[in-house]
PDB file of N, CA and C in Angstrom:
ATOM      1  N   MET A   1       0.854  -1.176   0.000  1.00  0.00           N
ATOM      2  CA  MET A   1       0.000   0.000   0.000  1.00  0.00           C
ATOM      3  C   MET A   1       0.900   1.239   0.000  1.00  0.00           C
ATOM      4  N   PRO A   2       0.570   2.263  -0.793  1.00  0.00           N
ATOM      5  CA  PRO A   2       1.435   3.434  -0.893  1.00  0.00           C
ATOM      6  C   PRO A   2       1.443   4.265   0.392  1.00  0.00           C
ATOM      7  N   ARG A   3       2.555   4.963   0.579  1.00  0.00           N
ATOM      8  CA  ARG A   3       2.693   5.887   1.703  1.00  0.00           C
ATOM      9  C   ARG A   3       2.608   7.311   1.170  1.00  0.00           C
ATOM     10  N   TYR A   4       2.072   8.200   2.002  1.00  0.00           N
ATOM     11  CA  TYR A   4       1.892   9.602   1.640  1.00  0.00           C
ATOM     12  C   TYR A   4       2.437  10.487   2.755  1.00  0.00           C
ATOM     13  N   LEU A   5       3.091  11.556   2.358  1.00  0.00           N
ATOM     14  CA  LEU A   5       3.564  12.553   3.308  1.00  0.00           C
ATOM     15  C   LEU A   5       2.668  13.767   3.176  1.00  0.00           C
ATOM     16  N   SER A   6       2.070  14.157   4.262  1.00  0.00           N
ATOM     17  CA  SER A   6       1.253  15.367   4.311  1.00  0.00           C
ATOM     18  C   SER A   6       2.077  16.424   5.028  1.00  0.00           C
ATOM     19  N   ILE A   7       2.443  17.470   4.303  1.00  0.00           N
ATOM     20  CA  ILE A   7       3.261  18.551   4.852  1.00  0.00           C
ATOM     21  C   ILE A   7       2.324  19.694   5.210  1.00  0.00           C
ATOM     22  N   VAL A   8       2.295  20.041   6.482  1.00  0.00           N
ATOM     23  CA  VAL A   8       1.401  21.090   6.969  1.00  0.00           C
ATOM     24  C   VAL A   8       2.133  22.428   6.868  1.00  0.00           C
ATOM     25  N   ARG A   9       1.613  23.317   6.040  1.00  0.00           N
ATOM     26  CA  ARG A   9       2.182  24.653   5.890  1.00  0.00           C
ATOM     27  C   ARG A   9       1.239  25.636   6.565  1.00  0.00           C
ATOM     28  N   ILE A  10       1.800  26.457   7.463  1.00  0.00           N
ATOM     29  CA  ILE A  10       0.976  27.433   8.177  1.00  0.00           C
ATOM     30  C   ILE A  10       1.517  28.830   7.954  1.00  0.00           C
ATOM     31  N   ASP A  11       0.619  29.795   8.058  1.00  0.00           N
ATOM     32  CA  ASP A  11       0.996  31.203   8.066  1.00  0.00           C
ATOM     33  C   ASP A  11       1.191  31.544   9.540  1.00  0.00           C
ATOM     34  N   GLU A  12       2.439  31.692   9.962  1.00  0.00           N
ATOM     35  CA  GLU A  12       2.711  31.929  11.388  1.00  0.00           C
ATOM     36  C   GLU A  12       2.087  33.225  11.889  1.00  0.00           C
ATOM     37  N   SER A  13       1.795  34.175  10.998  1.00  0.00           N
ATOM     38  CA  SER A  13       1.206  35.441  11.439  1.00  0.00           C
ATOM     39  C   SER A  13      -0.248  35.271  11.888  1.00  0.00           C
ATOM     40  N   THR A  14      -0.908  34.185  11.473  1.00  0.00           N
ATOM     41  CA  THR A  14      -2.298  33.950  11.893  1.00  0.00           C
ATOM     42  C   THR A  14      -2.387  32.924  13.014  1.00  0.00           C
ATOM     43  N   ALA A  15      -1.281  32.283  13.330  1.00  0.00           N
ATOM     44  CA  ALA A  15      -1.273  31.282  14.398  1.00  0.00           C
ATOM     45  C   ALA A  15      -1.135  31.991  15.745  1.00  0.00           C
ATOM     46  N   PRO A  16      -1.883  31.579  16.760  1.00  0.00           N
ATOM     47  CA  PRO A  16      -1.772  32.218  18.077  1.00  0.00           C
ATOM     48  C   PRO A  16      -0.362  32.073  18.652  1.00  0.00           C
ATOM     49  N   ALA A  17       0.152  33.143  19.233  1.00  0.00           N
ATOM     50  CA  ALA A  17       1.502  33.128  19.809  1.00  0.00           C
ATOM     51  C   ALA A  17       1.635  32.051  20.886  1.00  0.00           C
ATOM     52  N   GLU A  18       0.532  31.776  21.591  1.00  0.00           N
ATOM     53  CA  GLU A  18       0.566  30.770  22.665  1.00  0.00           C
ATOM     54  C   GLU A  18       0.404  29.355  22.140  1.00  0.00           C
ATOM     55  N   GLY A  19       0.234  29.219  20.831  1.00  0.00           N
ATOM     56  CA  GLY A  19       0.097  27.901  20.231  1.00  0.00           C
ATOM     57  C   GLY A  19      -1.363  27.499  20.108  1.00  0.00           C
ATOM     58  N   PRO A  20      -1.602  26.272  19.699  1.00  0.00           N
ATOM     59  CA  PRO A  20      -2.971  25.787  19.522  1.00  0.00           C
ATOM     60  C   PRO A  20      -3.758  25.814  20.829  1.00  0.00           C
ATOM     61  N   SER A  21      -5.040  26.075  20.716  1.00  0.00           N
ATOM     62  CA  SER A  21      -5.909  26.100  21.892  1.00  0.00           C
ATOM     63  C   SER A  21      -6.073  24.686  22.448  1.00  0.00           C
ATOM     64  N   PRO A  22      -6.419  24.586  23.736  1.00  0.00           N
ATOM     65  CA  PRO A  22      -6.687  23.257  24.301  1.00  0.00           C
ATOM     66  C   PRO A  22      -7.794  22.518  23.543  1.00  0.00           C
ATOM     67  N   GLU A  23      -8.824  23.243  23.094  1.00  0.00           N
ATOM     68  CA  GLU A  23      -9.918  22.623  22.345  1.00  0.00           C
ATOM     69  C   GLU A  23      -9.415  22.069  21.018  1.00  0.00           C
ATOM     70  N   LEU A  24      -8.555  22.824  20.329  1.00  0.00           N
ATOM     71  CA  LEU A  24      -7.975  22.342  19.069  1.00  0.00           C
ATOM     72  C   LEU A  24      -7.127  21.099  19.325  1.00  0.00           C
ATOM     73  N   MET A  25      -6.329  21.123  20.370  1.00  0.00           N
ATOM     74  CA  MET A  25      -5.488  19.964  20.683  1.00  0.00           C
ATOM     75  C   MET A  25      -6.345  18.734  20.984  1.00  0.00           C
ATOM     76  N   ARG A  26      -7.493  18.929  21.648  1.00  0.00           N
ATOM     77  CA  ARG A  26      -8.387  17.814  21.934  1.00  0.00           C
ATOM     78  C   ARG A  26      -8.944  17.237  20.630  1.00  0.00           C
ATOM     79  N   ARG A  27      -9.455  18.116  19.765  1.00  0.00           N
ATOM     80  CA  ARG A  27     -10.015  17.646  18.492  1.00  0.00           C
ATOM     81  C   ARG A  27      -8.949  16.973  17.629  1.00  0.00           C
ATOM     82  N   MET A  28      -7.747  17.561  17.604  1.00  0.00           N
ATOM     83  CA  MET A  28      -6.664  16.978  16.819  1.00  0.00           C
ATOM     84  C   MET A  28      -6.277  15.610  17.390  1.00  0.00           C
ATOM     85  N   GLY A  29      -6.215  15.512  18.709  1.00  0.00           N
ATOM     86  CA  GLY A  29      -5.897  14.235  19.349  1.00  0.00           C
ATOM     87  C   GLY A  29      -6.910  13.154  19.008  1.00  0.00           C
ATOM     88  N   GLU A  30      -8.189  13.514  18.997  1.00  0.00           N
ATOM     89  CA  GLU A  30      -9.236  12.554  18.649  1.00  0.00           C
ATOM     90  C   GLU A  30      -9.095  12.093  17.201  1.00  0.00           C
ATOM     91  N   LEU A  31      -8.816  13.025  16.295  1.00  0.00           N
ATOM     92  CA  LEU A  31      -8.662  12.661  14.884  1.00  0.00           C
ATOM     93  C   LEU A  31      -7.417  11.789  14.687  1.00  0.00           C
ATOM     94  N   ILE A  32      -6.322  12.139  15.328  1.00  0.00           N
ATOM     95  CA  ILE A  32      -5.096  11.344  15.201  1.00  0.00           C
ATOM     96  C   ILE A  32      -5.322   9.934  15.746  1.00  0.00           C
ATOM     97  N   GLU A  33      -6.068   9.835  16.845  1.00  0.00           N
ATOM     98  CA  GLU A  33      -6.392   8.506  17.386  1.00  0.00           C
ATOM     99  C   GLU A  33      -7.221   7.707  16.379  1.00  0.00           C
ATOM    100  N   GLU A  34      -8.185   8.359  15.736  1.00  0.00           N
ATOM    101  CA  GLU A  34      -9.018   7.690  14.740  1.00  0.00           C
ATOM    102  C   GLU A  34      -8.181   7.230  13.537  1.00  0.00           C
ATOM    103  N   ILE A  35      -7.293   8.102  13.059  1.00  0.00           N
ATOM    104  CA  ILE A  35      -6.438   7.752  11.917  1.00  0.00           C
ATOM    105  C   ILE A  35      -5.511   6.592  12.284  1.00  0.00           C
ATOM    106  N   THR A  36      -5.004   6.611  13.498  1.00  0.00           N
ATOM    107  CA  THR A  36      -4.109   5.546  13.967  1.00  0.00           C
ATOM    108  C   THR A  36      -4.858   4.222  14.069  1.00  0.00           C
ATOM    109  N   LYS A  37      -6.057   4.241  14.659  1.00  0.00           N
ATOM    110  CA  LYS A  37      -6.856   3.022  14.788  1.00  0.00           C
ATOM    111  C   LYS A  37      -7.255   2.463  13.427  1.00  0.00           C
ATOM    112  N   ALA A  38      -7.391   3.336  12.424  1.00  0.00           N
ATOM    113  CA  ALA A  38      -7.725   2.896  11.067  1.00  0.00           C
ATOM    114  C   ALA A  38      -6.514   2.267  10.366  1.00  0.00           C
ATOM    115  N   GLY A  39      -5.339   2.305  11.031  1.00  0.00           N
ATOM    116  CA  GLY A  39      -4.136   1.712  10.458  1.00  0.00           C
ATOM    117  C   GLY A  39      -3.481   2.573   9.391  1.00  0.00           C
ATOM    118  N   VAL A  40      -3.831   3.848   9.360  1.00  0.00           N
ATOM    119  CA  VAL A  40      -3.335   4.761   8.330  1.00  0.00           C
ATOM    120  C   VAL A  40      -2.104   5.535   8.812  1.00  0.00           C
ATOM    121  N   MET A  41      -2.142   6.057  10.046  1.00  0.00           N
ATOM    122  CA  MET A  41      -1.081   6.931  10.547  1.00  0.00           C
ATOM    123  C   MET A  41       0.170   6.125  10.891  1.00  0.00           C
ATOM    124  N   LEU A  42       1.283   6.492  10.279  1.00  0.00           N
ATOM    125  CA  LEU A  42       2.567   5.874  10.582  1.00  0.00           C
ATOM    126  C   LEU A  42       3.385   6.744  11.532  1.00  0.00           C
ATOM    127  N   ASP A  43       3.275   8.076  11.368  1.00  0.00           N
ATOM    128  CA  ASP A  43       4.002   9.016  12.216  1.00  0.00           C
ATOM    129  C   ASP A  43       3.434  10.405  11.982  1.00  0.00           C
ATOM    130  N   THR A  44       3.457  11.240  13.006  1.00  0.00           N
ATOM    131  CA  THR A  44       3.030  12.626  12.878  1.00  0.00           C
ATOM    132  C   THR A  44       3.654  13.451  13.982  1.00  0.00           C
ATOM    133  N   ALA A  45       3.851  14.743  13.717  1.00  0.00           N
ATOM    134  CA  ALA A  45       4.373  15.658  14.730  1.00  0.00           C
ATOM    135  C   ALA A  45       4.227  17.082  14.246  1.00  0.00           C
ATOM    136  N   GLY A  46       4.118  17.984  15.201  1.00  0.00           N
ATOM    137  CA  GLY A  46       4.196  19.405  14.909  1.00  0.00           C
ATOM    138  C   GLY A  46       5.648  19.840  15.050  1.00  0.00           C
ATOM    139  N   LEU A  47       5.958  21.001  14.525  1.00  0.00           N
ATOM    140  CA  LEU A  47       7.315  21.521  14.587  1.00  0.00           C
ATOM    141  C   LEU A  47       7.348  22.800  15.414  1.00  0.00           C
ATOM    142  N   THR A  48       8.511  23.106  15.987  1.00  0.00           N
ATOM    143  CA  THR A  48       8.675  24.355  16.720  1.00  0.00           C
ATOM    144  C   THR A  48       8.599  25.526  15.740  1.00  0.00           C
ATOM    145  N   PRO A  49       8.385  26.751  16.226  1.00  0.00           N
ATOM    146  CA  PRO A  49       8.294  27.909  15.340  1.00  0.00           C
ATOM    147  C   PRO A  49       9.559  28.094  14.490  1.00  0.00           C
ATOM    148  N   SER A  50       9.380  28.706  13.322  1.00  0.00           N
ATOM    149  CA  SER A  50      10.526  28.910  12.422  1.00  0.00           C
ATOM    150  C   SER A  50      11.609  29.766  13.066  1.00  0.00           C
ATOM    151  N   SER A  51      11.250  30.573  14.066  1.00  0.00           N
ATOM    152  CA  SER A  51      12.254  31.397  14.750  1.00  0.00           C
ATOM    153  C   SER A  51      13.294  30.536  15.463  1.00  0.00           C
ATOM    154  N   GLN A  52      12.958  29.282  15.714  1.00  0.00           N
ATOM    155  CA  GLN A  52      13.900  28.375  16.377  1.00  0.00           C
ATOM    156  C   GLN A  52      14.615  27.457  15.384  1.00  0.00           C
ATOM    157  N   GLY A  53      14.339  27.650  14.088  1.00  0.00           N
ATOM    158  CA  GLY A  53      14.919  26.775  13.075  1.00  0.00           C
ATOM    159  C   GLY A  53      16.121  27.376  12.375  1.00  0.00           C
ATOM    160  N   LYS A  54      16.734  26.582  11.566  1.00  0.00           N
ATOM    161  CA  LYS A  54      17.865  26.986  10.728  1.00  0.00           C
ATOM    162  C   LYS A  54      17.595  26.453   9.327  1.00  0.00           C
ATOM    163  N   ARG A  55      18.107  27.134   8.342  1.00  0.00           N
ATOM    164  CA  ARG A  55      17.962  26.710   6.960  1.00  0.00           C
ATOM    165  C   ARG A  55      19.356  26.580   6.356  1.00  0.00           C
ATOM    166  N   VAL A  56      19.640  25.430   5.769  1.00  0.00           N
ATOM    167  CA  VAL A  56      20.917  25.194   5.092  1.00  0.00           C
ATOM    168  C   VAL A  56      20.662  25.313   3.593  1.00  0.00           C
ATOM    169  N   HIS A  57      21.429  26.165   2.938  1.00  0.00           N
ATOM    170  CA  HIS A  57      21.259  26.427   1.508  1.00  0.00           C
ATOM    171  C   HIS A  57      22.540  26.043   0.780  1.00  0.00           C
ATOM    172  N   TRP A  58      22.396  25.340  -0.330  1.00  0.00           N
ATOM    173  CA  TRP A  58      23.533  24.910  -1.148  1.00  0.00           C
ATOM    174  C   TRP A  58      23.451  25.618  -2.487  1.00  0.00           C
ATOM    175  N   GLU A  59      24.516  26.335  -2.830  1.00  0.00           N
ATOM    176  CA  GLU A  59      24.559  27.030  -4.117  1.00  0.00           C
ATOM    177  C   GLU A  59      26.017  27.289  -4.483  1.00  0.00           C
ATOM    178  N   GLY A  60      26.342  27.052  -5.745  1.00  0.00           N
ATOM    179  CA  GLY A  60      27.686  27.329  -6.228  1.00  0.00           C
ATOM    180  C   GLY A  60      28.775  26.573  -5.493  1.00  0.00           C
ATOM    181  N   GLY A  61      28.452  25.359  -5.029  1.00  0.00           N
ATOM    182  CA  GLY A  61      29.455  24.556  -4.326  1.00  0.00           C
ATOM    183  C   GLY A  61      29.709  25.000  -2.896  1.00  0.00           C
ATOM    184  N   ARG A  62      28.818  25.813  -2.339  1.00  0.00           N
ATOM    185  CA  ARG A  62      29.021  26.337  -0.988  1.00  0.00           C
ATOM    186  C   ARG A  62      27.720  26.237  -0.186  1.00  0.00           C
ATOM    187  N   ALA A  63      27.842  25.832   1.070  1.00  0.00           N
ATOM    188  CA  ALA A  63      26.691  25.746   1.968  1.00  0.00           C
ATOM    189  C   ALA A  63      26.685  26.953   2.908  1.00  0.00           C
ATOM    190  N   THR A  64      25.498  27.532   3.087  1.00  0.00           N
ATOM    191  CA  THR A  64      25.335  28.617   4.058  1.00  0.00           C
ATOM    192  C   THR A  64      24.195  28.247   5.000  1.00  0.00           C
ATOM    193  N   VAL A  65      24.246  28.781   6.205  1.00  0.00           N
ATOM    194  CA  VAL A  65      23.218  28.522   7.213  1.00  0.00           C
ATOM    195  C   VAL A  65      22.569  29.857   7.586  1.00  0.00           C
ATOM    196  N   THR A  66      21.236  29.874   7.576  1.00  0.00           N
ATOM    197  CA  THR A  66      20.474  31.063   7.950  1.00  0.00           C
ATOM    198  C   THR A  66      19.627  30.734   9.165  1.00  0.00           C
ATOM    199  N   ASP A  67      19.656  31.617  10.161  1.00  0.00           N
ATOM    200  CA  ASP A  67      18.814  31.457  11.340  1.00  0.00           C
ATOM    201  C   ASP A  67      17.394  31.892  11.034  1.00  0.00           C
ATOM    202  N   GLY A  68      16.420  31.197  11.629  1.00  0.00           N
ATOM    203  CA  GLY A  68      15.023  31.599  11.494  1.00  0.00           C
ATOM    204  C   GLY A  68      14.740  32.817  12.342  1.00  0.00           C
ATOM    205  N   PRO A  69      13.614  33.474  12.186  1.00  0.00           N
ATOM    206  CA  PRO A  69      12.534  33.109  11.282  1.00  0.00           C
ATOM    207  C   PRO A  69      12.886  33.458   9.841  1.00  0.00           C
ATOM    208  N   PHE A  70      12.169  32.847   8.935  1.00  0.00           N
ATOM    209  CA  PHE A  70      12.460  32.990   7.515  1.00  0.00           C
ATOM    210  C   PHE A  70      11.460  33.976   6.922  1.00  0.00           C
ATOM    211  N   THR A  71      11.802  35.248   6.987  1.00  0.00           N
ATOM    212  CA  THR A  71      10.867  36.317   6.626  1.00  0.00           C
ATOM    213  C   THR A  71      10.473  36.308   5.160  1.00  0.00           C
ATOM    214  N   GLU A  72      11.303  35.726   4.294  1.00  0.00           N
ATOM    215  CA  GLU A  72      10.946  35.689   2.874  1.00  0.00           C
ATOM    216  C   GLU A  72       9.846  34.670   2.581  1.00  0.00           C
ATOM    217  N   SER A  73       9.507  33.838   3.568  1.00  0.00           N
ATOM    218  CA  SER A  73       8.462  32.827   3.390  1.00  0.00           C
ATOM    219  C   SER A  73       7.209  33.261   4.126  1.00  0.00           C
ATOM    220  N   LYS A  74       6.077  33.310   3.410  1.00  0.00           N
ATOM    221  CA  LYS A  74       4.816  33.598   4.089  1.00  0.00           C
ATOM    222  C   LYS A  74       4.364  32.376   4.867  1.00  0.00           C
ATOM    223  N   GLU A  75       4.500  31.207   4.255  1.00  0.00           N
ATOM    224  CA  GLU A  75       4.108  29.969   4.917  1.00  0.00           C
ATOM    225  C   GLU A  75       5.355  29.191   5.314  1.00  0.00           C
ATOM    226  N   VAL A  76       5.285  28.535   6.463  1.00  0.00           N
ATOM    227  CA  VAL A  76       6.378  27.677   6.917  1.00  0.00           C
ATOM    228  C   VAL A  76       5.807  26.300   7.215  1.00  0.00           C
ATOM    229  N   VAL A  77       6.668  25.304   7.223  1.00  0.00           N
ATOM    230  CA  VAL A  77       6.234  23.954   7.571  1.00  0.00           C
ATOM    231  C   VAL A  77       5.989  23.922   9.075  1.00  0.00           C
ATOM    232  N   GLY A  78       4.761  23.591   9.445  1.00  0.00           N
ATOM    233  CA  GLY A  78       4.391  23.557  10.855  1.00  0.00           C
ATOM    234  C   GLY A  78       4.282  22.152  11.416  1.00  0.00           C
ATOM    235  N   GLY A  79       4.285  21.154  10.535  1.00  0.00           N
ATOM    236  CA  GLY A  79       4.178  19.773  10.982  1.00  0.00           C
ATOM    237  C   GLY A  79       4.061  18.852   9.786  1.00  0.00           C
ATOM    238  N   TYR A  80       3.894  17.580  10.084  1.00  0.00           N
ATOM    239  CA  TYR A  80       3.806  16.581   9.019  1.00  0.00           C
ATOM    240  C   TYR A  80       3.023  15.381   9.517  1.00  0.00           C
ATOM    241  N   ALA A  81       2.564  14.591   8.571  1.00  0.00           N
ATOM    242  CA  ALA A  81       1.968  13.286   8.880  1.00  0.00           C
ATOM    243  C   ALA A  81       2.429  12.313   7.805  1.00  0.00           C
ATOM    244  N   LEU A  82       2.853  11.153   8.228  1.00  0.00           N
ATOM    245  CA  LEU A  82       3.228  10.076   7.317  1.00  0.00           C
ATOM    246  C   LEU A  82       2.123   9.033   7.417  1.00  0.00           C
ATOM    247  N   MET A  83       1.423   8.813   6.292  1.00  0.00           N
ATOM    248  CA  MET A  83       0.258   7.926   6.297  1.00  0.00           C
ATOM    249  C   MET A  83       0.409   6.840   5.239  1.00  0.00           C
ATOM    250  N   GLN A  84      -0.200   5.708   5.506  1.00  0.00           N
ATOM    251  CA  GLN A  84      -0.264   4.629   4.533  1.00  0.00           C
ATOM    252  C   GLN A  84      -1.729   4.481   4.141  1.00  0.00           C
ATOM    253  N   CYS A  85      -2.037   4.825   2.893  1.00  0.00           N
ATOM    254  CA  CYS A  85      -3.423   4.857   2.417  1.00  0.00           C
ATOM    255  C   CYS A  85      -3.551   4.014   1.166  1.00  0.00           C
ATOM    256  N   LYS A  86      -4.778   3.618   0.858  1.00  0.00           N
ATOM    257  CA  LYS A  86      -4.986   2.803  -0.340  1.00  0.00           C
ATOM    258  C   LYS A  86      -4.725   3.593  -1.613  1.00  0.00           C
ATOM    259  N   ASP A  87      -4.977   4.938  -1.558  1.00  0.00           N
ATOM    260  CA  ASP A  87      -4.745   5.774  -2.738  1.00  0.00           C
ATOM    261  C   ASP A  87      -4.728   7.245  -2.326  1.00  0.00           C
ATOM    262  N   MET A  88      -4.487   8.125  -3.307  1.00  0.00           N
ATOM    263  CA  MET A  88      -4.418   9.559  -3.039  1.00  0.00           C
ATOM    264  C   MET A  88      -5.751  10.084  -2.520  1.00  0.00           C
ATOM    265  N   ASP A  89      -6.863   9.556  -3.016  1.00  0.00           N
ATOM    266  CA  ASP A  89      -8.179  10.022  -2.549  1.00  0.00           C
ATOM    267  C   ASP A  89      -8.334   9.826  -1.041  1.00  0.00           C
ATOM    268  N   GLU A  90      -7.893   8.679  -0.539  1.00  0.00           N
ATOM    269  CA  GLU A  90      -7.994   8.445   0.903  1.00  0.00           C
ATOM    270  C   GLU A  90      -7.073   9.397   1.663  1.00  0.00           C
ATOM    271  N   ALA A  91      -5.859   9.615   1.170  1.00  0.00           N
ATOM    272  CA  ALA A  91      -4.930  10.545   1.821  1.00  0.00           C
ATOM    273  C   ALA A  91      -5.524  11.955   1.865  1.00  0.00           C
ATOM    274  N   LEU A  92      -6.169  12.370   0.779  1.00  0.00           N
ATOM    275  CA  LEU A  92      -6.789  13.693   0.737  1.00  0.00           C
ATOM    276  C   LEU A  92      -7.983  13.796   1.675  1.00  0.00           C
ATOM    277  N   GLU A  93      -8.721  12.700   1.828  1.00  0.00           N
ATOM    278  CA  GLU A  93      -9.852  12.693   2.763  1.00  0.00           C
ATOM    279  C   GLU A  93      -9.374  12.962   4.189  1.00  0.00           C
ATOM    280  N   TRP A  94      -8.286  12.299   4.597  1.00  0.00           N
ATOM    281  CA  TRP A  94      -7.740  12.522   5.940  1.00  0.00           C
ATOM    282  C   TRP A  94      -7.183  13.938   6.071  1.00  0.00           C
ATOM    283  N   ALA A  95      -6.515  14.432   5.030  1.00  0.00           N
ATOM    284  CA  ALA A  95      -5.964  15.799   5.062  1.00  0.00           C
ATOM    285  C   ALA A  95      -7.094  16.817   5.223  1.00  0.00           C
ATOM    286  N   HIS A  96      -8.180  16.605   4.499  1.00  0.00           N
ATOM    287  CA  HIS A  96      -9.334  17.503   4.579  1.00  0.00           C
ATOM    288  C   HIS A  96      -9.901  17.512   6.002  1.00  0.00           C
ATOM    289  N   ARG A  97     -10.010  16.359   6.598  1.00  0.00           N
ATOM    290  CA  ARG A  97     -10.528  16.279   7.973  1.00  0.00           C
ATOM    291  C   ARG A  97      -9.589  16.969   8.952  1.00  0.00           C
ATOM    292  N   PHE A  98      -8.278  16.879   8.699  1.00  0.00           N
ATOM    293  CA  PHE A  98      -7.299  17.522   9.584  1.00  0.00           C
ATOM    294  C   PHE A  98      -7.461  19.042   9.564  1.00  0.00           C
ATOM    295  N   VAL A  99      -7.554  19.649   8.389  1.00  0.00           N
ATOM    296  CA  VAL A  99      -7.665  21.108   8.348  1.00  0.00           C
ATOM    297  C   VAL A  99      -8.977  21.577   8.979  1.00  0.00           C
ATOM    298  N   LYS A 100     -10.030  20.777   8.872  1.00  0.00           N
ATOM    299  CA  LYS A 100     -11.332  21.184   9.396  1.00  0.00           C
ATOM    300  C   LYS A 100     -11.409  21.199  10.922  1.00  0.00           C
ATOM    301  N   VAL A 101     -10.461  20.576  11.646  1.00  0.00           N
ATOM    302  CA  VAL A 101     -10.499  20.642  13.110  1.00  0.00           C
ATOM    303  C   VAL A 101      -9.960  21.981  13.619  1.00  0.00           C
ATOM    304  N   HIS A 102      -9.326  22.766  12.749  1.00  0.00           N
ATOM    305  CA  HIS A 102      -8.739  24.047  13.149  1.00  0.00           C
ATOM    306  C   HIS A 102      -9.783  25.165  13.185  1.00  0.00           C
ATOM    307  N   GLU A 103      -9.555  26.127  14.080  1.00  0.00           N
ATOM    308  CA  GLU A 103     -10.435  27.294  14.161  1.00  0.00           C
ATOM    309  C   GLU A 103     -10.264  28.161  12.912  1.00  0.00           C
ATOM    310  N   ASP A 104     -11.230  29.055  12.694  1.00  0.00           N
ATOM    311  CA  ASP A 104     -11.250  29.890  11.491  1.00  0.00           C
ATOM    312  C   ASP A 104     -10.053  30.836  11.365  1.00  0.00           C
ATOM    313  N   HIS A 105      -9.410  31.220  12.480  1.00  0.00           N
ATOM    314  CA  HIS A 105      -8.310  32.186  12.378  1.00  0.00           C
ATOM    315  C   HIS A 105      -7.012  31.564  11.850  1.00  0.00           C
ATOM    316  N   TRP A 106      -6.927  30.248  11.760  1.00  0.00           N
ATOM    317  CA  TRP A 106      -5.738  29.599  11.208  1.00  0.00           C
ATOM    318  C   TRP A 106      -5.743  29.711   9.687  1.00  0.00           C
ATOM    319  N   THR A 107      -4.577  29.975   9.104  1.00  0.00           N
ATOM    320  CA  THR A 107      -4.400  29.928   7.654  1.00  0.00           C
ATOM    321  C   THR A 107      -3.366  28.850   7.396  1.00  0.00           C
ATOM    322  N   MET A 108      -3.760  27.827   6.655  1.00  0.00           N
ATOM    323  CA  MET A 108      -2.858  26.693   6.431  1.00  0.00           C
ATOM    324  C   MET A 108      -3.185  26.010   5.129  1.00  0.00           C
ATOM    325  N   SER A 109      -2.231  25.242   4.674  1.00  0.00           N
ATOM    326  CA  SER A 109      -2.460  24.356   3.538  1.00  0.00           C
ATOM    327  C   SER A 109      -1.684  23.085   3.797  1.00  0.00           C
ATOM    328  N   LEU A 110      -2.175  21.997   3.250  1.00  0.00           N
ATOM    329  CA  LEU A 110      -1.489  20.719   3.356  1.00  0.00           C
ATOM    330  C   LEU A 110      -1.058  20.291   1.965  1.00  0.00           C
ATOM    331  N   GLU A 111       0.192  19.980   1.842  1.00  0.00           N
ATOM    332  CA  GLU A 111       0.712  19.423   0.590  1.00  0.00           C
ATOM    333  C   GLU A 111       0.780  17.918   0.795  1.00  0.00           C
ATOM    334  N   VAL A 112       0.051  17.164   0.006  1.00  0.00           N
ATOM    335  CA  VAL A 112      -0.004  15.711   0.150  1.00  0.00           C
ATOM    336  C   VAL A 112       0.713  15.111  -1.050  1.00  0.00           C
ATOM    337  N   ARG A 113       1.751  14.305  -0.784  1.00  0.00           N
ATOM    338  CA  ARG A 113       2.534  13.725  -1.858  1.00  0.00           C
ATOM    339  C   ARG A 113       2.815  12.257  -1.572  1.00  0.00           C
ATOM    340  N   GLU A 114       2.706  11.470  -2.630  1.00  0.00           N
ATOM    341  CA  GLU A 114       3.025  10.048  -2.486  1.00  0.00           C
ATOM    342  C   GLU A 114       4.545   9.900  -2.397  1.00  0.00           C
ATOM    343  N   ILE A 115       4.973   8.999  -1.537  1.00  0.00           N
ATOM    344  CA  ILE A 115       6.404   8.726  -1.382  1.00  0.00           C
ATOM    345  C   ILE A 115       6.833   7.769  -2.494  1.00  0.00           C
ATOM    346  N   ALA A 116       7.859   8.153  -3.219  1.00  0.00           N
ATOM    347  CA  ALA A 116       8.380   7.315  -4.307  1.00  0.00           C
ATOM    348  C   ALA A 116       9.068   6.104  -3.687  1.00  0.00           C
ATOM    349  N   GLU A 117       8.612   4.939  -4.048  1.00  0.00           N
ATOM    350  CA  GLU A 117       9.174   3.693  -3.506  1.00  0.00           C
ATOM    351  C   GLU A 117      10.111   3.090  -4.547  1.00  0.00           C
ATOM    352  N   GLY A 118      11.234   2.575  -4.068  1.00  0.00           N
ATOM    353  CA  GLY A 118      12.152   1.856  -4.934  1.00  0.00           C
ATOM    354  C   GLY A 118      12.893   2.747  -5.806  1.00  0.00           C
TER     355      GLY A 118
END
């Protein structure tokens, strides 16, 4: 069965400084439990704010490191989910349910991509 990576991209300017609300965390926990019990979820996690990250860039045979936050990016990767689904339609169904547990003030998108095997 194919595996899919769902990359959660968020607009940090619309995300609450204190992080997700307790109610959002409860709803997200319930959905993650459901996805796990369905045998779909292989791994998932949120990421710390981009201000705590670093970016390594390779160009012209030279690597440079930039400290976050990454102001040139409107959206940053806020988390991921690794799922095993029967097809892309099922992966998109779970992604759709994930975004719907968030409150209206969140701005996010999920990039869902099949993992190339072999």
